[in-house]
Structure formats: C-alpha cells, structure tokens
Amino acid sequence: MRLLPTFAAQAAALTAAAFFCAPQPAAAQEEVPFITTPDAVTLAMLQLAGVSAADRLIDLGSGDGRIVITAARRFGARGLGVEIVPHLVEQSRANARKAGVADRAEFRVQDLFETDLKPYSVITMYLLPAVNLQLRGALLKLAPGTRIVSHDWDMGDWAPDQSLTLDVPDKTIGREKKSTLHLWRVPADVAGRWCGPAGELQLAQRFQQFSATLRRPGLAAPLLVFDGRVHSTDLRSTAAELSLQGAELRVTRTAPDAAALERASFSREACAR
C-alpha cells in the first residue's frame, strides 16, 4: 500500500493545504511513494472492516498486493488492487500466483481517481491526507454500508465510526512505532423533506449525524425534534429509529414521548403530491 513518508507535523500541513489549494488528482497520487505495510497492520485492517467471503474489496495504491492477497487467502474475499507503478503490479500478480489466489486477486495499472469504486463493499487505502480528502466526495456517494479503512490518515471533519491504534515495532517510518486504523461506513443520504400521513419530516445531515423535525400542517410548533446518527441505512436516536427501505423511510421503533411517529412511513415523492 502507499503512504506519506513524513512525520505527523508534515502530514497536518498537507491536510490544511488541501482545503485552500486542492492538487490535481494525478499529481497527488504520484507523490505517494510505496512503503511496505507490516503484515500485522494488513490483517488488522481487514478484521476491522469485517471482511468475509461475501465481500469484494479494492485497495487503492496496492503496492506489492498484500492487502488484496491476504483478503483472498485468509477471508475468501475477491479483490482488486489498483497501482500506477507497473513493476509493482507485476510483482503483485506474481505474489498472488504464489499464494494460490490469482483467481480471486486481480491487479491493474490504473489511476485510482479513474477507478469505479461502486462495485466494491470494502475499500482500503494508505494515502496522503490530501488525497483522502480528494476521494471523500466520491466515497460518500457509494452504497450505504460500504466500509472504508484508512491506515493512519483520516478524512478531515468526516469522523470515523471506529478507530484502532496498534503497536507496530517494525514500522519503518515515524518516531512512534504505532499505526492508527480508521473505519467508516458510508451513511445513506437522507437529508431533505420526507412526507407521509404522520406529517412532514425535515432532516438535516452532516455525514453520520442528523437532526429531525416533524411538523403537521396547521400547527405552528413542531410535533417532535430529535437528533441521532445514521448507521448505513438506519437512523438511530433515543426518540425513534427509522430505516431507509428503498424510497421509503419507515419508523421501526419509538420512545413513549415520540408517539407521533409510531408506525409512520415517509417518502420524498409524497412531498410533491
């Protein structure tokens, strides 16, 4: 996998710079040199993502292919590694053949910014902080529940759902021999107006966080206001739980003080009627 071979202060400076002067995608990728990810970190990334034989995984900047190969060998997953350095792709293919997983581990010479991420349920990466931010918009458009694991670097104000710090004595860069892994699950896009027999539900959303206001025609004050988190396609709060099922948002649980939402369902389409 690829990473930035600098100390944390330099990484922070790069991240800040990305907000003011976004680099061209191709140039950003070329600046991310390959450094081997320790095997313990590779395994921990896959375990954090909960990889299984049902998954299709893609590793962005796949280096010598160890993430994709380990996913195939240890967990039975199918995977693709994209890498811009041809000799590393050839090495990865040879490593896959040697491991006996060439039928499940594919490698391509390809720019990660030109790669279709939609077919994959798990995305792994070890990239520059600025590159993570460039990818963030595309990642947020993926299917709800898609799992993303990044080694060391976050994605700005899109906070991870889970982080894990490991002691890594054989880590080749940095003063601290530690690695931090971050996991995100893509939240469904639920922002906007949702209407139904129970009234109009207005949802404001910032990544996994949402704020909901339920109103009914003719009433000046809202019937209910509550905040919570989006977990893939589920909206959870102390007041109620809702589930996005196709084009409908259905209430699956209500607290005693949220009776106005009991068994309610909403859709965006109903607001246009």
Protein backbone atom coordinates (compact mmCIF):
# COMPACT_ATOMS: atom_id res chain seq x y z
CA MET A 1 0.00 0.00 0.00
CA ARG A 2 1.01 3.62 -0.37
CA LEU A 3 1.61 6.21 2.33
CA LEU A 4 3.28 9.51 3.04
CA PRO A 5 6.81 9.01 4.44
CA THR A 6 6.83 12.06 6.71
CA PHE A 7 6.17 12.86 10.33
CA ALA A 8 2.79 13.93 11.68
CA ALA A 9 3.53 17.65 11.56
CA GLN A 10 4.19 17.50 7.81
CA ALA A 11 1.01 15.47 7.30
CA ALA A 12 -1.02 18.06 9.17
CA ALA A 13 0.41 20.81 7.00
CA LEU A 14 -0.53 18.91 3.85
CA THR A 15 -4.05 18.36 5.12
CA ALA A 16 -4.51 22.05 5.87
CA ALA A 17 -3.15 22.99 2.47
CA ALA A 18 -5.69 20.74 0.77
CA PHE A 19 -8.52 22.95 1.93
CA PHE A 20 -7.05 26.03 0.21
CA CYS A 21 -5.33 24.61 -2.85
CA ALA A 22 -6.53 21.19 -3.99
CA PRO A 23 -3.80 19.43 -6.05
CA GLN A 24 -4.51 17.80 -9.39
CA PRO A 25 -5.55 14.17 -8.75
CA ALA A 26 -2.87 12.55 -10.90
CA ALA A 27 -0.10 14.63 -9.35
CA ALA A 28 -1.34 13.86 -5.86
CA GLN A 29 -1.17 10.11 -6.49
CA GLU A 30 2.33 10.30 -7.96
CA GLU A 31 3.56 11.93 -4.73
CA VAL A 32 2.55 8.93 -2.61
CA PRO A 33 5.52 6.54 -2.63
CA PHE A 34 5.23 2.86 -1.81
CA ILE A 35 6.35 1.65 1.60
CA THR A 36 5.51 -1.85 2.82
CA THR A 37 2.65 -2.13 5.29
CA PRO A 38 3.52 -4.53 8.16
CA ASP A 39 1.62 -7.82 7.99
CA ALA A 40 0.02 -7.26 11.42
CA VAL A 41 -1.44 -3.97 10.21
CA THR A 42 -2.68 -5.56 6.99
CA LEU A 43 -4.55 -8.24 8.94
CA ALA A 44 -5.93 -5.72 11.44
CA MET A 45 -7.32 -3.54 8.62
CA LEU A 46 -9.22 -6.47 7.16
CA GLN A 47 -10.50 -7.56 10.57
CA LEU A 48 -11.64 -4.01 11.37
CA ALA A 49 -13.64 -3.97 8.13
CA GLY A 50 -15.15 -7.36 8.93
CA VAL A 51 -14.08 -8.78 5.57
CA SER A 52 -15.69 -12.07 4.56
CA ALA A 53 -16.06 -14.29 1.50
CA ALA A 54 -19.14 -12.26 0.54
CA ASP A 55 -17.09 -9.09 0.03
CA ARG A 56 -15.48 -7.51 -3.00
CA LEU A 57 -12.53 -5.42 -1.85
CA ILE A 58 -10.49 -2.76 -3.61
CA ASP A 59 -7.12 -1.49 -2.40
CA LEU A 60 -6.23 1.99 -3.66
CA GLY A 61 -2.50 2.21 -4.27
CA SER A 62 -1.96 -1.51 -3.75
CA GLY A 63 1.86 -1.67 -3.80
CA ASP A 64 3.00 -5.29 -3.62
CA GLY A 65 -0.61 -6.54 -3.34
CA ARG A 66 -0.54 -7.85 0.22
CA ILE A 67 -3.93 -6.39 1.27
CA VAL A 68 -5.81 -7.97 -1.63
CA ILE A 69 -3.89 -11.24 -1.37
CA THR A 70 -4.47 -11.52 2.39
CA ALA A 71 -8.18 -10.77 1.92
CA ALA A 72 -8.41 -13.59 -0.60
CA ARG A 73 -6.25 -16.10 1.28
CA ARG A 74 -7.46 -15.51 4.85
CA PHE A 75 -11.07 -14.45 4.30
CA GLY A 76 -12.06 -15.82 0.88
CA ALA A 77 -12.89 -12.36 -0.49
CA ARG A 78 -12.43 -11.28 -4.10
CA GLY A 79 -10.37 -8.15 -4.60
CA LEU A 80 -8.77 -5.67 -6.95
CA GLY A 81 -5.60 -3.68 -6.37
CA VAL A 82 -5.01 -0.53 -8.42
CA GLU A 83 -1.47 0.81 -8.69
CA ILE A 84 0.26 3.25 -11.05
CA VAL A 85 3.71 1.59 -10.91
CA PRO A 86 3.82 -1.25 -13.48
CA HIS A 87 6.55 -3.32 -11.84
CA LEU A 88 4.61 -3.36 -8.55
CA VAL A 89 1.54 -4.65 -10.40
CA GLU A 90 3.65 -7.41 -11.97
CA GLN A 91 5.07 -8.24 -8.54
CA SER A 92 1.54 -8.35 -7.07
CA ARG A 93 0.35 -10.74 -9.77
CA ALA A 94 3.33 -13.00 -9.11
CA ASN A 95 2.65 -12.87 -5.36
CA ALA A 96 -0.99 -13.80 -5.96
CA ARG A 97 0.01 -16.78 -8.09
CA LYS A 98 2.50 -17.90 -5.43
CA ALA A 99 -0.22 -17.62 -2.74
CA GLY A 100 -2.65 -19.62 -4.88
CA VAL A 101 -5.26 -16.85 -5.07
CA ALA A 102 -4.71 -15.45 -8.58
CA ASP A 103 -8.34 -16.33 -9.42
CA ARG A 104 -9.60 -14.03 -6.64
CA ALA A 105 -6.92 -11.31 -6.54
CA GLU A 106 -6.67 -9.02 -9.57
CA PHE A 107 -4.21 -6.17 -10.09
CA ARG A 108 -4.25 -3.35 -12.63
CA VAL A 109 -2.01 -0.47 -13.64
CA GLN A 110 -4.59 2.23 -13.06
CA ASP A 111 -5.07 5.72 -11.64
CA LEU A 112 -7.18 5.45 -8.50
CA PHE A 113 -9.03 8.64 -9.44
CA GLU A 114 -10.22 6.98 -12.65
CA THR A 115 -11.36 3.80 -10.91
CA ASP A 116 -15.05 2.94 -10.48
CA LEU A 117 -15.49 2.23 -6.78
CA LYS A 118 -19.20 1.34 -6.91
CA PRO A 119 -18.84 -2.45 -7.28
CA TYR A 120 -16.90 -2.81 -4.02
CA SER A 121 -18.15 -3.37 -0.48
CA VAL A 122 -14.77 -2.71 1.19
CA ILE A 123 -12.20 -0.05 0.28
CA THR A 124 -8.73 0.04 1.84
CA MET A 125 -6.15 2.79 1.47
CA TYR A 126 -2.91 4.22 2.84
CA LEU A 127 -2.60 7.56 1.09
CA LEU A 128 -1.73 11.19 1.59
CA PRO A 129 -4.14 13.16 3.80
CA ALA A 130 -4.79 15.50 0.84
CA VAL A 131 -5.60 12.51 -1.39
CA ASN A 132 -8.06 11.17 1.19
CA LEU A 133 -9.85 14.50 1.06
CA GLN A 134 -9.94 14.43 -2.73
CA LEU A 135 -11.55 10.99 -2.60
CA ARG A 136 -14.04 11.85 0.12
CA GLY A 137 -16.78 13.17 -2.14
CA ALA A 138 -16.74 10.04 -4.30
CA LEU A 139 -16.67 7.77 -1.24
CA LEU A 140 -19.72 9.44 0.26
CA LYS A 141 -21.69 8.66 -2.92
CA LEU A 142 -21.12 4.92 -2.61
CA ALA A 143 -23.79 2.47 -1.47
CA PRO A 144 -24.77 2.91 2.18
CA GLY A 145 -22.86 0.49 4.36
CA THR A 146 -19.75 0.41 2.16
CA ARG A 147 -16.79 0.03 4.53
CA ILE A 148 -13.68 2.17 4.16
CA VAL A 149 -10.48 1.57 6.13
CA SER A 150 -7.59 4.04 6.08
CA HIS A 151 -4.18 3.42 7.62
CA ASP A 152 -3.05 6.41 9.75
CA TRP A 153 -4.81 9.25 7.90
CA ASP A 154 -8.36 10.48 8.47
CA MET A 155 -10.79 12.33 6.19
CA GLY A 156 -10.97 15.74 7.79
CA ASP A 157 -14.26 16.50 9.52
CA TRP A 158 -15.85 13.23 8.38
CA ALA A 159 -15.14 11.46 11.66
CA PRO A 160 -14.57 7.70 11.53
CA ASP A 161 -17.10 5.31 13.04
CA GLN A 162 -14.27 3.46 14.74
CA SER A 163 -10.52 3.90 15.24
CA LEU A 164 -7.92 1.44 16.45
CA THR A 165 -4.29 2.09 17.44
CA LEU A 166 -1.74 -0.72 17.19
CA ASP A 167 1.82 -1.09 18.44
CA VAL A 168 3.93 -1.78 15.35
CA PRO A 169 7.60 -2.31 16.32
CA ASP A 170 8.62 -2.97 12.70
CA LYS A 171 7.04 0.19 11.29
CA THR A 172 9.66 1.84 9.07
CA ILE A 173 8.60 5.49 9.35
CA GLY A 174 7.79 7.93 12.14
CA ARG A 175 9.14 8.31 15.64
CA GLU A 176 6.30 6.38 17.28
CA LYS A 177 6.10 2.74 16.31
CA LYS A 178 2.30 2.82 16.16
CA SER A 179 -0.36 2.68 13.47
CA THR A 180 -3.88 4.06 13.71
CA LEU A 181 -6.61 2.48 11.60
CA HIS A 182 -9.86 4.33 10.83
CA LEU A 183 -13.14 2.72 9.75
CA TRP A 184 -16.06 4.49 8.09
CA ARG A 185 -19.37 3.03 6.96
CA VAL A 186 -20.92 5.14 4.23
CA PRO A 187 -24.14 6.69 5.57
CA ALA A 188 -27.26 6.90 3.44
CA ASP A 189 -28.08 10.36 2.13
CA VAL A 190 -31.28 11.19 3.99
CA ALA A 191 -31.15 14.99 4.05
CA GLY A 192 -34.25 16.90 2.96
CA ARG A 193 -38.04 16.72 3.20
CA TRP A 194 -39.86 13.44 3.76
CA CYS A 195 -43.67 13.37 3.80
CA GLY A 196 -46.34 10.92 4.91
CA PRO A 197 -49.62 10.62 6.83
CA ALA A 198 -47.79 11.46 10.08
CA GLY A 199 -46.67 14.83 8.68
CA GLU A 200 -43.54 16.33 7.17
CA LEU A 201 -40.17 15.15 8.46
CA GLN A 202 -37.32 17.57 7.74
CA LEU A 203 -33.88 16.02 8.04
CA ALA A 204 -30.60 17.91 8.22
CA GLN A 205 -27.50 15.74 7.84
CA ARG A 206 -23.75 16.14 8.32
CA PHE A 207 -22.04 12.86 7.48
CA GLN A 208 -23.32 10.36 10.13
CA GLN A 209 -25.10 12.98 12.24
CA PHE A 210 -28.70 14.01 11.61
CA SER A 211 -31.28 16.34 13.11
CA ALA A 212 -35.01 15.69 12.54
CA THR A 213 -38.04 17.95 12.86
CA LEU A 214 -41.59 16.56 12.49
CA ARG A 215 -44.33 19.05 11.57
CA ARG A 216 -48.01 18.87 10.65
CA PRO A 217 -49.97 21.38 8.57
CA GLY A 218 -51.78 23.98 10.63
CA LEU A 219 -49.55 23.62 13.67
CA ALA A 220 -47.02 26.39 14.29
CA ALA A 221 -44.82 24.38 16.64
CA PRO A 222 -43.11 21.14 15.59
CA LEU A 223 -44.53 17.92 17.00
CA LEU A 224 -41.10 16.45 17.58
CA VAL A 225 -37.43 17.42 17.30
CA PHE A 226 -34.64 14.88 17.78
CA ASP A 227 -31.01 14.19 16.83
CA GLY A 228 -29.18 10.97 16.11
CA ARG A 229 -26.75 9.06 13.92
CA VAL A 230 -27.04 7.40 10.52
CA HIS A 231 -25.74 3.82 10.54
CA SER A 232 -25.68 2.74 6.88
CA THR A 233 -29.44 2.81 6.13
CA ASP A 234 -30.66 3.06 9.73
CA LEU A 235 -31.31 6.30 11.63
CA ARG A 236 -30.95 5.83 15.37
CA SER A 237 -31.80 8.17 18.22
CA THR A 238 -33.24 7.97 21.70
CA ALA A 239 -36.61 9.19 20.36
CA ALA A 240 -37.01 6.80 17.45
CA GLU A 241 -35.32 4.50 14.99
CA LEU A 242 -36.00 4.68 11.26
CA SER A 243 -34.91 2.50 8.36
CA LEU A 244 -34.43 3.53 4.74
CA GLN A 245 -36.13 0.81 2.72
CA GLY A 246 -35.94 1.59 -0.97
CA ALA A 247 -37.54 5.01 -1.43
CA GLU A 248 -39.33 4.90 1.93
CA LEU A 249 -38.18 5.92 5.39
CA ARG A 250 -40.01 3.73 7.88
CA VAL A 251 -40.17 4.10 11.65
CA THR A 252 -39.16 0.84 13.34
CA ARG A 253 -39.11 1.93 16.99
CA THR A 254 -40.43 4.85 19.02
CA ALA A 255 -39.94 6.03 22.59
CA PRO A 256 -43.06 6.78 24.68
CA ASP A 257 -42.65 10.53 24.09
CA ALA A 258 -42.44 10.05 20.29
CA ALA A 259 -45.88 8.51 19.75
CA ALA A 260 -46.49 10.86 16.80
CA LEU A 261 -44.02 8.74 14.81
CA GLU A 262 -45.34 5.31 15.71
CA ARG A 263 -45.53 3.04 12.63
CA ALA A 264 -45.08 6.06 10.38
CA SER A 265 -43.54 6.00 6.93
CA PHE A 266 -42.29 8.83 4.74
CA SER A 267 -41.07 9.35 1.21
CA ARG A 268 -39.59 12.24 -0.72
CA GLU A 269 -42.04 11.62 -3.54
CA ALA A 270 -45.03 12.22 -1.25
CA CYS A 271 -43.86 15.80 -0.66
CA ALA A 272 -44.51 16.62 -4.34
CA ARG A 273 -48.13 15.46 -4.33
